[in-house]
């Protein structure tokens, strides 16, 4: 059986080391330990860009070690992704200062990834955003259904036998 495709935004990688947020950290660690093999995992240039902005060198190396050591499939930015991301900003789904969040959503849409996994509940992983994104995507000719979730959604599903 084909594994669902899951894209990890940068927040997922960051929360592996988020000692200031133990609940999210523990769920993220559990996802990596017990669930990640159930999915085909993707990241992108955006994740690399955001990690490389990290000032703490030790943390940056930890984050890079995670994404370089797991065999994730890397997606690359292109004009189509940037154009679609700008459509989300124009539609006011996301504010202009959240262009990276828009790019994460766009790269998932363009590459027909099933799930965008994020701890960014405000800008990405919520039903309202998913609905708004779907409307823009359909208007722009993208009909592949993407789902915006956080790791607890996937963990809960497996524990319930699904």
Protein backbone atom coordinates (compact mmCIF):
# COMPACT_ATOMS: atom_id res chain seq x y z
CA UNK A 1 0.00 0.00 0.00
CA UNK A 2 1.24 3.46 -0.91
CA UNK A 3 2.28 5.63 2.04
CA UNK A 4 0.63 9.05 2.39
CA UNK A 5 2.92 11.96 1.53
CA UNK A 6 3.64 14.28 4.47
CA UNK A 7 5.50 17.58 4.28
CA UNK A 8 7.18 18.85 7.44
CA UNK A 9 7.41 22.59 7.83
CA UNK A 10 10.18 24.08 9.95
CA UNK A 11 8.08 24.25 13.12
CA UNK A 12 7.98 20.44 13.25
CA UNK A 13 11.78 20.20 13.19
CA UNK A 14 12.11 23.02 15.74
CA UNK A 15 9.76 21.42 18.23
CA UNK A 16 11.97 18.35 18.48
CA UNK A 17 14.18 20.57 20.67
CA UNK A 18 11.57 22.91 22.22
CA UNK A 19 12.30 22.50 25.92
CA UNK A 20 10.17 25.59 26.58
CA UNK A 21 7.14 23.78 25.16
CA UNK A 22 7.31 20.21 26.52
CA UNK A 23 3.84 19.13 25.37
CA UNK A 24 4.48 19.97 21.70
CA UNK A 25 8.05 18.65 21.96
CA UNK A 26 6.89 15.30 23.38
CA UNK A 27 4.23 14.84 20.69
CA UNK A 28 6.77 15.74 18.00
CA UNK A 29 9.35 13.32 19.40
CA UNK A 30 6.68 10.60 19.58
CA UNK A 31 5.75 11.28 15.94
CA UNK A 32 9.40 10.91 14.89
CA UNK A 33 9.96 7.77 16.99
CA UNK A 34 6.74 5.86 16.36
CA UNK A 35 4.94 7.25 13.31
CA UNK A 36 7.27 8.82 10.77
CA UNK A 37 7.91 5.50 8.99
CA UNK A 38 4.20 5.31 8.14
CA UNK A 39 4.64 8.25 5.74
CA UNK A 40 6.70 9.38 2.78
CA UNK A 41 8.33 12.51 4.25
CA UNK A 42 9.09 15.73 2.36
CA UNK A 43 10.82 18.98 3.24
CA UNK A 44 11.88 21.90 1.04
CA UNK A 45 14.35 24.67 0.39
CA UNK A 46 12.17 26.82 2.64
CA UNK A 47 12.96 24.58 5.62
CA UNK A 48 16.69 24.91 4.89
CA UNK A 49 16.38 28.70 4.54
CA UNK A 50 14.53 29.05 7.83
CA UNK A 51 16.92 26.77 9.72
CA UNK A 52 19.92 28.65 8.34
CA UNK A 53 18.50 31.85 9.89
CA UNK A 54 18.94 30.28 13.35
CA UNK A 55 21.54 32.30 15.30
CA UNK A 56 22.32 29.58 17.85
CA UNK A 57 24.95 27.49 16.02
CA UNK A 58 24.46 24.41 18.24
CA UNK A 59 20.70 24.43 17.63
CA UNK A 60 21.20 25.07 13.90
CA UNK A 61 23.47 22.02 13.65
CA UNK A 62 20.93 19.86 15.51
CA UNK A 63 18.15 20.98 13.16
CA UNK A 64 20.27 20.42 10.04
CA UNK A 65 21.28 16.99 11.36
CA UNK A 66 17.62 16.00 11.60
CA UNK A 67 16.72 17.01 8.06
CA UNK A 68 19.94 15.72 6.51
CA UNK A 69 20.00 12.41 8.37
CA UNK A 70 16.50 11.06 7.82
CA UNK A 71 16.34 10.50 4.06
CA UNK A 72 13.57 13.06 3.56
CA UNK A 73 12.65 13.94 0.00
CA UNK A 74 13.60 17.54 -0.77
CA UNK A 75 11.34 19.80 -2.82
CA UNK A 76 12.67 22.89 -4.57
CA UNK A 77 11.22 26.34 -4.98
CA UNK A 78 10.22 27.45 -8.43
CA UNK A 79 8.26 30.23 -10.07
CA UNK A 80 4.96 28.34 -9.82
CA UNK A 81 5.35 27.96 -6.03
CA UNK A 82 6.22 31.64 -5.57
CA UNK A 83 3.30 32.74 -7.74
CA UNK A 84 0.80 30.60 -5.79
CA UNK A 85 2.22 31.76 -2.45
CA UNK A 86 1.61 35.34 -3.52
CA UNK A 87 -2.01 34.43 -4.36
CA UNK A 88 -2.51 33.38 -0.71
CA UNK A 89 -1.13 36.72 0.44
CA UNK A 90 -3.28 38.64 -2.09
CA UNK A 91 -6.37 36.74 -0.87
CA UNK A 92 -5.46 37.77 2.70
CA UNK A 93 -5.29 34.15 3.86
CA UNK A 94 -1.91 35.06 5.34
CA UNK A 95 -0.39 38.46 6.12
CA UNK A 96 2.48 39.70 3.92
CA UNK A 97 5.04 39.03 6.65
CA UNK A 98 4.09 35.33 6.56
CA UNK A 99 5.34 34.69 3.03
CA UNK A 100 7.34 31.64 4.18
CA UNK A 101 4.15 30.08 5.55
CA UNK A 102 2.47 30.79 2.20
CA UNK A 103 5.42 29.20 0.39
CA UNK A 104 5.13 26.04 2.55
CA UNK A 105 1.46 25.73 1.60
CA UNK A 106 2.15 26.44 -2.07
CA UNK A 107 4.95 23.89 -2.38
CA UNK A 108 2.67 21.24 -0.87
CA UNK A 109 -0.09 22.18 -3.30
CA UNK A 110 2.11 22.22 -6.41
CA UNK A 111 3.75 18.88 -5.52
CA UNK A 112 0.46 17.20 -4.55
CA UNK A 113 1.54 16.29 -1.03
CA UNK A 114 -1.30 14.84 1.03
CA UNK A 115 -0.57 16.50 4.37
CA UNK A 116 1.26 19.64 5.46
CA UNK A 117 2.32 19.00 9.05
CA UNK A 118 2.88 22.12 11.14
CA UNK A 119 2.72 23.41 14.70
CA UNK A 120 1.81 26.82 13.28
CA UNK A 121 -1.85 26.65 14.21
CA UNK A 122 -2.46 30.36 13.59
CA UNK A 123 -1.27 30.50 9.99
CA UNK A 124 -1.29 26.93 8.69
CA UNK A 125 -2.72 23.98 10.64
CA UNK A 126 -6.35 24.93 11.08
CA UNK A 127 -9.61 24.27 9.29
CA UNK A 128 -10.30 27.90 8.32
CA UNK A 129 -6.92 28.19 6.55
CA UNK A 130 -7.41 24.83 4.88
CA UNK A 131 -10.79 25.94 3.53
CA UNK A 132 -9.45 29.30 2.32
CA UNK A 133 -6.44 27.65 0.68
CA UNK A 134 -8.68 25.15 -1.10
CA UNK A 135 -10.76 27.98 -2.57
CA UNK A 136 -7.68 29.80 -3.88
CA UNK A 137 -6.15 26.56 -5.14
CA UNK A 138 -9.28 25.64 -7.09
CA UNK A 139 -9.51 29.15 -8.54
CA UNK A 140 -5.89 28.78 -9.69
CA UNK A 141 -6.50 25.31 -11.18
CA UNK A 142 -5.09 23.12 -8.39
CA UNK A 143 -7.57 20.46 -7.35
CA UNK A 144 -5.46 17.98 -5.41
CA UNK A 145 -6.87 17.92 -1.85
CA UNK A 146 -4.22 18.88 0.72
CA UNK A 147 -4.78 18.62 4.45
CA UNK A 148 -3.25 20.99 7.02
CA UNK A 149 -2.60 19.20 10.34
CA UNK A 150 -0.36 19.11 13.41
CA UNK A 151 1.39 15.94 14.65
CA UNK A 152 -1.19 15.24 17.35
CA UNK A 153 -3.77 14.69 14.59
CA UNK A 154 -1.73 11.86 13.05
CA UNK A 155 -0.78 10.31 16.37
CA UNK A 156 -4.39 10.26 17.47
CA UNK A 157 -5.46 8.55 14.26
CA UNK A 158 -2.98 5.71 14.61
CA UNK A 159 -3.80 5.16 18.28
CA UNK A 160 -7.45 4.86 17.34
CA UNK A 161 -6.62 2.08 14.91
CA UNK A 162 -6.98 4.03 11.66
